[in-house]
Amino acid sequence: MALYPDDVLARVFVSHTRPESLLGVLQPLHTGPHTAALGFINQGGTLNTAGMLFVNRCTWVHIVVEVARLLDLAQENLLSPAERATLEGKQAPAGVVI
C-alpha cells in the first residue's frame, strides 16, 4: 500500500473518535507495538477546541511524544523544557502547547 509501506512500522493515527475503535477499523494497518492511536478519551467539558484537544491528549505535542516513543527517541531532543513541563502538569498549556 503506497501510503503505509510494509517497511515502515511506526504509525500514529489521530482521530476525533475513540482510539480503540479507530485501531479496530484500521486493523490491516496495525503493526502491533509500533502503532499508536490518539483520540477522544472522554475528558473535557466546556473547553475551547484547543483545550479539548489538550485534555484528550491529541495536540501536536502529544503526537510528538507518541512518535518519540515509537521511534525510541528522547523527548528532550524534540521538546523544550516548557513543553515537557506542560505535559507533566507543571505548567499551563496556554501559550506553550495550545
PDB file of N, CA and C in Angstrom:
ATOM      1  N   MET A   1       0.853  -1.167   0.000  1.00  0.00           N
ATOM      2  CA  MET A   1       0.000   0.000   0.000  1.00  0.00           C
ATOM      3  C   MET A   1       0.900   1.232   0.000  1.00  0.00           C
ATOM      4  N   ALA A   2       0.654   2.168  -0.884  1.00  0.00           N
ATOM      5  CA  ALA A   2       1.528   3.321  -1.077  1.00  0.00           C
ATOM      6  C   ALA A   2       1.619   4.230   0.151  1.00  0.00           C
ATOM      7  N   LEU A   3       0.506   4.470   0.852  1.00  0.00           N
ATOM      8  CA  LEU A   3       0.541   5.371   1.997  1.00  0.00           C
ATOM      9  C   LEU A   3       1.178   4.734   3.229  1.00  0.00           C
ATOM     10  N   TYR A   4       1.121   3.429   3.346  1.00  0.00           N
ATOM     11  CA  TYR A   4       1.652   2.726   4.509  1.00  0.00           C
ATOM     12  C   TYR A   4       2.516   1.557   4.048  1.00  0.00           C
ATOM     13  N   PRO A   5       3.746   1.844   3.631  1.00  0.00           N
ATOM     14  CA  PRO A   5       4.605   0.759   3.152  1.00  0.00           C
ATOM     15  C   PRO A   5       4.907  -0.255   4.264  1.00  0.00           C
ATOM     16  N   ASP A   6       5.058  -1.491   3.883  1.00  0.00           N
ATOM     17  CA  ASP A   6       5.308  -2.562   4.851  1.00  0.00           C
ATOM     18  C   ASP A   6       6.594  -2.357   5.641  1.00  0.00           C
ATOM     19  N   ASP A   7       7.577  -1.662   5.065  1.00  0.00           N
ATOM     20  CA  ASP A   7       8.849  -1.492   5.754  1.00  0.00           C
ATOM     21  C   ASP A   7       8.845  -0.316   6.743  1.00  0.00           C
ATOM     22  N   VAL A   8       7.745   0.416   6.824  1.00  0.00           N
ATOM     23  CA  VAL A   8       7.605   1.497   7.809  1.00  0.00           C
ATOM     24  C   VAL A   8       6.622   1.017   8.874  1.00  0.00           C
ATOM     25  N   LEU A   9       7.157   0.580   9.999  1.00  0.00           N
ATOM     26  CA  LEU A   9       6.307   0.000  11.038  1.00  0.00           C
ATOM     27  C   LEU A   9       5.676   1.039  11.944  1.00  0.00           C
ATOM     28  N   ALA A  10       6.386   2.121  12.241  1.00  0.00           N
ATOM     29  CA  ALA A  10       5.872   3.133  13.170  1.00  0.00           C
ATOM     30  C   ALA A  10       4.721   3.900  12.524  1.00  0.00           C
ATOM     31  N   ARG A  11       3.578   3.862  13.212  1.00  0.00           N
ATOM     32  CA  ARG A  11       2.384   4.535  12.698  1.00  0.00           C
ATOM     33  C   ARG A  11       1.623   5.171  13.849  1.00  0.00           C
ATOM     34  N   VAL A  12       1.243   6.433  13.660  1.00  0.00           N
ATOM     35  CA  VAL A  12       0.444   7.148  14.649  1.00  0.00           C
ATOM     36  C   VAL A  12      -0.808   7.636  13.945  1.00  0.00           C
ATOM     37  N   PHE A  13      -1.953   7.247  14.458  1.00  0.00           N
ATOM     38  CA  PHE A  13      -3.238   7.672  13.920  1.00  0.00           C
ATOM     39  C   PHE A  13      -3.895   8.606  14.931  1.00  0.00           C
ATOM     40  N   VAL A  14      -4.442   9.713  14.443  1.00  0.00           N
ATOM     41  CA  VAL A  14      -5.111  10.685  15.306  1.00  0.00           C
ATOM     42  C   VAL A  14      -6.513  10.901  14.761  1.00  0.00           C
ATOM     43  N   SER A  15      -7.491  10.881  15.663  1.00  0.00           N
ATOM     44  CA  SER A  15      -8.874  10.970  15.232  1.00  0.00           C
ATOM     45  C   SER A  15      -9.717  11.697  16.273  1.00  0.00           C
ATOM     46  N   HIS A  16     -10.895  12.125  15.875  1.00  0.00           N
ATOM     47  CA  HIS A  16     -11.854  12.715  16.804  1.00  0.00           C
ATOM     48  C   HIS A  16     -12.728  11.646  17.444  1.00  0.00           C
ATOM     49  N   THR A  17     -12.486  10.391  17.108  1.00  0.00           N
ATOM     50  CA  THR A  17     -13.240   9.285  17.690  1.00  0.00           C
ATOM     51  C   THR A  17     -12.397   8.622  18.781  1.00  0.00           C
ATOM     52  N   ARG A  18     -12.924   7.609  19.377  1.00  0.00           N
ATOM     53  CA  ARG A  18     -12.152   6.867  20.372  1.00  0.00           C
ATOM     54  C   ARG A  18     -11.019   6.110  19.672  1.00  0.00           C
ATOM     55  N   PRO A  19      -9.835   6.124  20.250  1.00  0.00           N
ATOM     56  CA  PRO A  19      -8.695   5.479  19.587  1.00  0.00           C
ATOM     57  C   PRO A  19      -8.855   3.970  19.436  1.00  0.00           C
ATOM     58  N   GLU A  20      -9.541   3.331  20.381  1.00  0.00           N
ATOM     59  CA  GLU A  20      -9.727   1.879  20.299  1.00  0.00           C
ATOM     60  C   GLU A  20     -10.543   1.500  19.059  1.00  0.00           C
ATOM     61  N   SER A  21     -11.596   2.258  18.798  1.00  0.00           N
ATOM     62  CA  SER A  21     -12.427   1.991  17.617  1.00  0.00           C
ATOM     63  C   SER A  21     -11.636   2.213  16.343  1.00  0.00           C
ATOM     64  N   LEU A  22     -10.843   3.263  16.349  1.00  0.00           N
ATOM     65  CA  LEU A  22     -10.021   3.573  15.178  1.00  0.00           C
ATOM     66  C   LEU A  22      -9.063   2.431  14.868  1.00  0.00           C
ATOM     67  N   LEU A  23      -8.411   1.916  15.902  1.00  0.00           N
ATOM     68  CA  LEU A  23      -7.482   0.804  15.680  1.00  0.00           C
ATOM     69  C   LEU A  23      -8.209  -0.440  15.185  1.00  0.00           C
ATOM     70  N   GLY A  24      -9.432  -0.645  15.635  1.00  0.00           N
ATOM     71  CA  GLY A  24     -10.206  -1.782  15.145  1.00  0.00           C
ATOM     72  C   GLY A  24     -10.516  -1.659  13.668  1.00  0.00           C
ATOM     73  N   VAL A  25     -10.911  -0.472  13.245  1.00  0.00           N
ATOM     74  CA  VAL A  25     -11.228  -0.237  11.832  1.00  0.00           C
ATOM     75  C   VAL A  25      -9.969  -0.339  10.968  1.00  0.00           C
ATOM     76  N   LEU A  26      -8.857   0.111  11.517  1.00  0.00           N
ATOM     77  CA  LEU A  26      -7.604   0.124  10.757  1.00  0.00           C
ATOM     78  C   LEU A  26      -6.740  -1.101  11.029  1.00  0.00           C
ATOM     79  N   GLN A  27      -7.345  -2.175  11.489  1.00  0.00           N
ATOM     80  CA  GLN A  27      -6.604  -3.383  11.836  1.00  0.00           C
ATOM     81  C   GLN A  27      -5.618  -3.839  10.752  1.00  0.00           C
ATOM     82  N   PRO A  28      -5.958  -3.774   9.463  1.00  0.00           N
ATOM     83  CA  PRO A  28      -4.978  -4.194   8.453  1.00  0.00           C
ATOM     84  C   PRO A  28      -3.705  -3.345   8.443  1.00  0.00           C
ATOM     85  N   LEU A  29      -3.767  -2.128   9.006  1.00  0.00           N
ATOM     86  CA  LEU A  29      -2.596  -1.254   9.037  1.00  0.00           C
ATOM     87  C   LEU A  29      -1.864  -1.316  10.381  1.00  0.00           C
ATOM     88  N   HIS A  30      -2.419  -2.049  11.333  1.00  0.00           N
ATOM     89  CA  HIS A  30      -1.860  -2.138  12.684  1.00  0.00           C
ATOM     90  C   HIS A  30      -0.571  -2.955  12.652  1.00  0.00           C
ATOM     91  N   THR A  31       0.492  -2.398  13.217  1.00  0.00           N
ATOM     92  CA  THR A  31       1.784  -3.092  13.245  1.00  0.00           C
ATOM     93  C   THR A  31       2.180  -3.478  14.667  1.00  0.00           C
ATOM     94  N   GLY A  32       1.195  -3.735  15.503  1.00  0.00           N
ATOM     95  CA  GLY A  32       1.466  -4.164  16.872  1.00  0.00           C
ATOM     96  C   GLY A  32       2.009  -3.038  17.727  1.00  0.00           C
ATOM     97  N   PRO A  33       3.108  -3.287  18.440  1.00  0.00           N
ATOM     98  CA  PRO A  33       3.636  -2.274  19.356  1.00  0.00           C
ATOM     99  C   PRO A  33       4.195  -1.040  18.654  1.00  0.00           C
ATOM    100  N   HIS A  34       4.263  -1.079  17.353  1.00  0.00           N
ATOM    101  CA  HIS A  34       4.767   0.061  16.585  1.00  0.00           C
ATOM    102  C   HIS A  34       3.643   1.000  16.148  1.00  0.00           C
ATOM    103  N   THR A  35       2.419   0.722  16.549  1.00  0.00           N
ATOM    104  CA  THR A  35       1.269   1.534  16.171  1.00  0.00           C
ATOM    105  C   THR A  35       0.660   2.188  17.407  1.00  0.00           C
ATOM    106  N   ALA A  36       0.293   3.454  17.254  1.00  0.00           N
ATOM    107  CA  ALA A  36      -0.376   4.179  18.336  1.00  0.00           C
ATOM    108  C   ALA A  36      -1.565   4.920  17.747  1.00  0.00           C
ATOM    109  N   ALA A  37      -2.586   5.109  18.556  1.00  0.00           N
ATOM    110  CA  ALA A  37      -3.754   5.883  18.138  1.00  0.00           C
ATOM    111  C   ALA A  37      -4.110   6.859  19.253  1.00  0.00           C
ATOM    112  N   LEU A  38      -4.382   8.074  18.869  1.00  0.00           N
ATOM    113  CA  LEU A  38      -4.806   9.108  19.800  1.00  0.00           C
ATOM    114  C   LEU A  38      -6.197   9.550  19.392  1.00  0.00           C
ATOM    115  N   GLY A  39      -7.022   9.840  20.378  1.00  0.00           N
ATOM    116  CA  GLY A  39      -8.377  10.276  20.070  1.00  0.00           C
ATOM    117  C   GLY A  39      -9.131  10.625  21.333  1.00  0.00           C
ATOM    118  N   PHE A  40     -10.419  10.726  21.202  1.00  0.00           N
ATOM    119  CA  PHE A  40     -11.308  11.121  22.288  1.00  0.00           C
ATOM    120  C   PHE A  40     -11.237  10.127  23.435  1.00  0.00           C
ATOM    121  N   ILE A  41     -10.910  10.610  24.643  1.00  0.00           N
ATOM    122  CA  ILE A  41     -10.832   9.732  25.815  1.00  0.00           C
ATOM    123  C   ILE A  41     -11.801  10.179  26.909  1.00  0.00           C
ATOM    124  N   ASN A  42     -12.843  10.899  26.496  1.00  0.00           N
ATOM    125  CA  ASN A  42     -13.920  11.310  27.397  1.00  0.00           C
ATOM    126  C   ASN A  42     -13.453  12.256  28.494  1.00  0.00           C
ATOM    127  N   GLN A  43     -12.576  13.179  28.145  1.00  0.00           N
ATOM    128  CA  GLN A  43     -12.125  14.208  29.069  1.00  0.00           C
ATOM    129  C   GLN A  43     -12.583  15.552  28.546  1.00  0.00           C
ATOM    130  N   GLY A  44     -12.803  16.479  29.421  1.00  0.00           N
ATOM    131  CA  GLY A  44     -13.139  17.822  28.970  1.00  0.00           C
ATOM    132  C   GLY A  44     -14.379  18.351  29.626  1.00  0.00           C
ATOM    133  N   GLY A  45     -15.157  19.047  28.872  1.00  0.00           N
ATOM    134  CA  GLY A  45     -16.341  19.721  29.376  1.00  0.00           C
ATOM    135  C   GLY A  45     -16.603  20.913  28.492  1.00  0.00           C
ATOM    136  N   THR A  46     -16.671  22.056  29.091  1.00  0.00           N
ATOM    137  CA  THR A  46     -16.952  23.265  28.310  1.00  0.00           C
ATOM    138  C   THR A  46     -15.661  24.016  28.018  1.00  0.00           C
ATOM    139  N   LEU A  47     -14.750  23.369  27.336  1.00  0.00           N
ATOM    140  CA  LEU A  47     -13.478  23.973  26.951  1.00  0.00           C
ATOM    141  C   LEU A  47     -13.545  24.427  25.501  1.00  0.00           C
ATOM    142  N   ASN A  48     -12.584  25.244  25.101  1.00  0.00           N
ATOM    143  CA  ASN A  48     -12.482  25.581  23.685  1.00  0.00           C
ATOM    144  C   ASN A  48     -11.841  24.398  22.949  1.00  0.00           C
ATOM    145  N   THR A  49     -11.739  24.506  21.646  1.00  0.00           N
ATOM    146  CA  THR A  49     -11.219  23.388  20.846  1.00  0.00           C
ATOM    147  C   THR A  49      -9.810  22.998  21.273  1.00  0.00           C
ATOM    148  N   ALA A  50      -8.936  23.982  21.426  1.00  0.00           N
ATOM    149  CA  ALA A  50      -7.556  23.683  21.812  1.00  0.00           C
ATOM    150  C   ALA A  50      -7.507  23.014  23.190  1.00  0.00           C
ATOM    151  N   GLY A  51      -8.327  23.490  24.113  1.00  0.00           N
ATOM    152  CA  GLY A  51      -8.371  22.890  25.445  1.00  0.00           C
ATOM    153  C   GLY A  51      -8.870  21.454  25.413  1.00  0.00           C
ATOM    154  N   MET A  52      -9.871  21.191  24.588  1.00  0.00           N
ATOM    155  CA  MET A  52     -10.387  19.827  24.452  1.00  0.00           C
ATOM    156  C   MET A  52      -9.317  18.896  23.873  1.00  0.00           C
ATOM    157  N   LEU A  53      -8.588  19.388  22.873  1.00  0.00           N
ATOM    158  CA  LEU A  53      -7.516  18.575  22.302  1.00  0.00           C
ATOM    159  C   LEU A  53      -6.462  18.271  23.363  1.00  0.00           C
ATOM    160  N   PHE A  54      -6.137  19.264  24.185  1.00  0.00           N
ATOM    161  CA  PHE A  54      -5.107  19.056  25.202  1.00  0.00           C
ATOM    162  C   PHE A  54      -5.552  18.028  26.240  1.00  0.00           C
ATOM    163  N   VAL A  55      -6.739  18.177  26.807  1.00  0.00           N
ATOM    164  CA  VAL A  55      -7.158  17.240  27.861  1.00  0.00           C
ATOM    165  C   VAL A  55      -7.412  15.839  27.314  1.00  0.00           C
ATOM    166  N   ASN A  56      -7.681  15.718  26.026  1.00  0.00           N
ATOM    167  CA  ASN A  56      -7.846  14.404  25.407  1.00  0.00           C
ATOM    168  C   ASN A  56      -6.544  13.876  24.805  1.00  0.00           C
ATOM    169  N   ARG A  57      -5.461  14.580  25.091  1.00  0.00           N
ATOM    170  CA  ARG A  57      -4.104  14.182  24.657  1.00  0.00           C
ATOM    171  C   ARG A  57      -3.986  14.005  23.146  1.00  0.00           C
ATOM    172  N   CYS A  58      -4.458  15.034  22.415  1.00  0.00           N
ATOM    173  CA  CYS A  58      -4.431  14.985  20.953  1.00  0.00           C
ATOM    174  C   CYS A  58      -3.787  16.212  20.316  1.00  0.00           C
ATOM    175  N   THR A  59      -3.001  16.973  21.065  1.00  0.00           N
ATOM    176  CA  THR A  59      -2.342  18.135  20.472  1.00  0.00           C
ATOM    177  C   THR A  59      -1.084  17.695  19.728  1.00  0.00           C
ATOM    178  N   TRP A  60      -0.481  18.638  19.046  1.00  0.00           N
ATOM    179  CA  TRP A  60       0.750  18.334  18.317  1.00  0.00           C
ATOM    180  C   TRP A  60       1.821  17.777  19.249  1.00  0.00           C
ATOM    181  N   VAL A  61       1.889  18.290  20.473  1.00  0.00           N
ATOM    182  CA  VAL A  61       2.929  17.832  21.392  1.00  0.00           C
ATOM    183  C   VAL A  61       2.673  16.391  21.838  1.00  0.00           C
ATOM    184  N   HIS A  62       1.424  16.005  21.980  1.00  0.00           N
ATOM    185  CA  HIS A  62       1.103  14.614  22.320  1.00  0.00           C
ATOM    186  C   HIS A  62       1.477  13.684  21.158  1.00  0.00           C
ATOM    187  N   ILE A  63       1.269  14.158  19.953  1.00  0.00           N
ATOM    188  CA  ILE A  63       1.646  13.366  18.773  1.00  0.00           C
ATOM    189  C   ILE A  63       3.158  13.197  18.721  1.00  0.00           C
ATOM    190  N   VAL A  64       3.908  14.268  19.002  1.00  0.00           N
ATOM    191  CA  VAL A  64       5.373  14.189  19.029  1.00  0.00           C
ATOM    192  C   VAL A  64       5.831  13.175  20.077  1.00  0.00           C
ATOM    193  N   VAL A  65       5.200  13.171  21.240  1.00  0.00           N
ATOM    194  CA  VAL A  65       5.553  12.214  22.303  1.00  0.00           C
ATOM    195  C   VAL A  65       5.341  10.785  21.820  1.00  0.00           C
ATOM    196  N   GLU A  66       4.227  10.520  21.139  1.00  0.00           N
ATOM    197  CA  GLU A  66       3.972   9.165  20.631  1.00  0.00           C
ATOM    198  C   GLU A  66       4.986   8.770  19.562  1.00  0.00           C
ATOM    199  N   VAL A  67       5.301   9.700  18.684  1.00  0.00           N
ATOM    200  CA  VAL A  67       6.308   9.421  17.654  1.00  0.00           C
ATOM    201  C   VAL A  67       7.654   9.114  18.312  1.00  0.00           C
ATOM    202  N   ALA A  68       8.022   9.906  19.303  1.00  0.00           N
ATOM    203  CA  ALA A  68       9.284   9.677  20.017  1.00  0.00           C
ATOM    204  C   ALA A  68       9.294   8.290  20.655  1.00  0.00           C
ATOM    205  N   ARG A  69       8.183   7.923  21.263  1.00  0.00           N
ATOM    206  CA  ARG A  69       8.091   6.598  21.895  1.00  0.00           C
ATOM    207  C   ARG A  69       8.249   5.488  20.867  1.00  0.00           C
ATOM    208  N   LEU A  70       7.541   5.613  19.755  1.00  0.00           N
ATOM    209  CA  LEU A  70       7.578   4.567  18.732  1.00  0.00           C
ATOM    210  C   LEU A  70       8.947   4.454  18.068  1.00  0.00           C
ATOM    211  N   LEU A  71       9.634   5.581  17.930  1.00  0.00           N
ATOM    212  CA  LEU A  71      10.945   5.576  17.272  1.00  0.00           C
ATOM    213  C   LEU A  71      12.100   5.504  18.264  1.00  0.00           C
ATOM    214  N   ASP A  72      11.774   5.356  19.550  1.00  0.00           N
ATOM    215  CA  ASP A  72      12.774   5.276  20.610  1.00  0.00           C
ATOM    216  C   ASP A  72      13.704   6.496  20.597  1.00  0.00           C
ATOM    217  N   LEU A  73      13.087   7.678  20.541  1.00  0.00           N
ATOM    218  CA  LEU A  73      13.821   8.936  20.571  1.00  0.00           C
ATOM    219  C   LEU A  73      13.605   9.610  21.922  1.00  0.00           C
ATOM    220  N   ALA A  74      14.586  10.337  22.379  1.00  0.00           N
ATOM    221  CA  ALA A  74      14.473  11.055  23.650  1.00  0.00           C
ATOM    222  C   ALA A  74      13.598  12.294  23.462  1.00  0.00           C
ATOM    223  N   GLN A  75      12.592  12.440  24.317  1.00  0.00           N
ATOM    224  CA  GLN A  75      11.719  13.617  24.255  1.00  0.00           C
ATOM    225  C   GLN A  75      12.525  14.901  24.413  1.00  0.00           C
ATOM    226  N   GLU A  76      13.589  14.852  25.186  1.00  0.00           N
ATOM    227  CA  GLU A  76      14.411  16.026  25.431  1.00  0.00           C
ATOM    228  C   GLU A  76      15.007  16.587  24.139  1.00  0.00           C
ATOM    229  N   ASN A  77      15.173  15.726  23.149  1.00  0.00           N
ATOM    230  CA  ASN A  77      15.714  16.170  21.859  1.00  0.00           C
ATOM    231  C   ASN A  77      14.644  16.779  20.956  1.00  0.00           C
ATOM    232  N   LEU A  78      13.376  16.592  21.314  1.00  0.00           N
ATOM    233  CA  LEU A  78      12.290  17.036  20.451  1.00  0.00           C
ATOM    234  C   LEU A  78      11.439  18.139  21.072  1.00  0.00           C
ATOM    235  N   LEU A  79      11.396  18.207  22.405  1.00  0.00           N
ATOM    236  CA  LEU A  79      10.528  19.160  23.086  1.00  0.00           C
ATOM    237  C   LEU A  79      11.336  20.069  24.001  1.00  0.00           C
ATOM    238  N   SER A  80      10.886  21.299  24.113  1.00  0.00           N
ATOM    239  CA  SER A  80      11.540  22.261  25.006  1.00  0.00           C
ATOM    240  C   SER A  80      11.214  21.922  26.461  1.00  0.00           C
ATOM    241  N   PRO A  81      11.971  22.474  27.400  1.00  0.00           N
ATOM    242  CA  PRO A  81      11.639  22.252  28.816  1.00  0.00           C
ATOM    243  C   PRO A  81      10.216  22.721  29.155  1.00  0.00           C
ATOM    244  N   ALA A  82       9.779  23.823  28.581  1.00  0.00           N
ATOM    245  CA  ALA A  82       8.421  24.319  28.850  1.00  0.00           C
ATOM    246  C   ALA A  82       7.369  23.359  28.312  1.00  0.00           C
ATOM    247  N   GLU A  83       7.593  22.795  27.149  1.00  0.00           N
ATOM    248  CA  GLU A  83       6.647  21.830  26.571  1.00  0.00           C
ATOM    249  C   GLU A  83       6.572  20.573  27.424  1.00  0.00           C
ATOM    250  N   ARG A  84       7.712  20.097  27.889  1.00  0.00           N
ATOM    251  CA  ARG A  84       7.721  18.917  28.754  1.00  0.00           C
ATOM    252  C   ARG A  84       7.048  19.216  30.097  1.00  0.00           C
ATOM    253  N   ALA A  85       7.288  20.411  30.641  1.00  0.00           N
ATOM    254  CA  ALA A  85       6.654  20.797  31.907  1.00  0.00           C
ATOM    255  C   ALA A  85       5.141  20.856  31.755  1.00  0.00           C
ATOM    256  N   THR A  86       4.670  21.307  30.603  1.00  0.00           N
ATOM    257  CA  THR A  86       3.232  21.346  30.338  1.00  0.00           C
ATOM    258  C   THR A  86       2.646  19.939  30.342  1.00  0.00           C
ATOM    259  N   LEU A  87       3.311  19.012  29.701  1.00  0.00           N
ATOM    260  CA  LEU A  87       2.828  17.633  29.666  1.00  0.00           C
ATOM    261  C   LEU A  87       2.840  16.985  31.044  1.00  0.00           C
ATOM    262  N   GLU A  88       3.756  17.401  31.891  1.00  0.00           N
ATOM    263  CA  GLU A  88       3.858  16.855  33.250  1.00  0.00           C
ATOM    264  C   GLU A  88       2.899  17.541  34.211  1.00  0.00           C
ATOM    265  N   GLY A  89       2.126  18.530  33.723  1.00  0.00           N
ATOM    266  CA  GLY A  89       1.171  19.229  34.567  1.00  0.00           C
ATOM    267  C   GLY A  89       1.802  20.282  35.456  1.00  0.00           C
ATOM    268  N   LYS A  90       3.025  20.663  35.175  1.00  0.00           N
ATOM    269  CA  LYS A  90       3.741  21.661  35.988  1.00  0.00           C
ATOM    270  C   LYS A  90       3.588  23.068  35.435  1.00  0.00           C
ATOM    271  N   GLN A  91       3.016  23.189  34.249  1.00  0.00           N
ATOM    272  CA  GLN A  91       2.857  24.484  33.589  1.00  0.00           C
ATOM    273  C   GLN A  91       1.561  24.442  32.783  1.00  0.00           C
ATOM    274  N   ALA A  92       0.877  25.575  32.718  1.00  0.00           N
ATOM    275  CA  ALA A  92      -0.357  25.662  31.933  1.00  0.00           C
ATOM    276  C   ALA A  92      -0.024  25.523  30.447  1.00  0.00           C
ATOM    277  N   PRO A  93      -0.902  24.895  29.681  1.00  0.00           N
ATOM    278  CA  PRO A  93      -0.625  24.688  28.259  1.00  0.00           C
ATOM    279  C   PRO A  93      -0.780  25.938  27.393  1.00  0.00           C
ATOM    280  N   ALA A  94      -1.541  26.924  27.857  1.00  0.00           N
ATOM    281  CA  ALA A  94      -1.784  28.118  27.041  1.00  0.00           C
ATOM    282  C   ALA A  94      -0.489  28.851  26.744  1.00  0.00           C
ATOM    283  N   GLY A  95      -0.273  29.123  25.476  1.00  0.00           N
ATOM    284  CA  GLY A  95       0.924  29.829  25.046  1.00  0.00           C
ATOM    285  C   GLY A  95       2.135  28.942  24.843  1.00  0.00           C
ATOM    286  N   VAL A  96       2.046  27.705  25.283  1.00  0.00           N
ATOM    287  CA  VAL A  96       3.168  26.767  25.126  1.00  0.00           C
ATOM    288  C   VAL A  96       2.794  25.663  24.141  1.00  0.00           C
ATOM    289  N   VAL A  97       1.708  24.990  24.424  1.00  0.00           N
ATOM    290  CA  VAL A  97       1.259  23.864  23.608  1.00  0.00           C
ATOM    291  C   VAL A  97       0.024  24.249  22.795  1.00  0.00           C
ATOM    292  N   ILE A  98      -0.845  25.059  23.403  1.00  0.00           N
ATOM    293  CA  ILE A  98      -2.068  25.477  22.698  1.00  0.00           C
ATOM    294  C   ILE A  98      -2.149  26.989  22.660  1.00  0.00           C
TER     295      ILE A  98
END
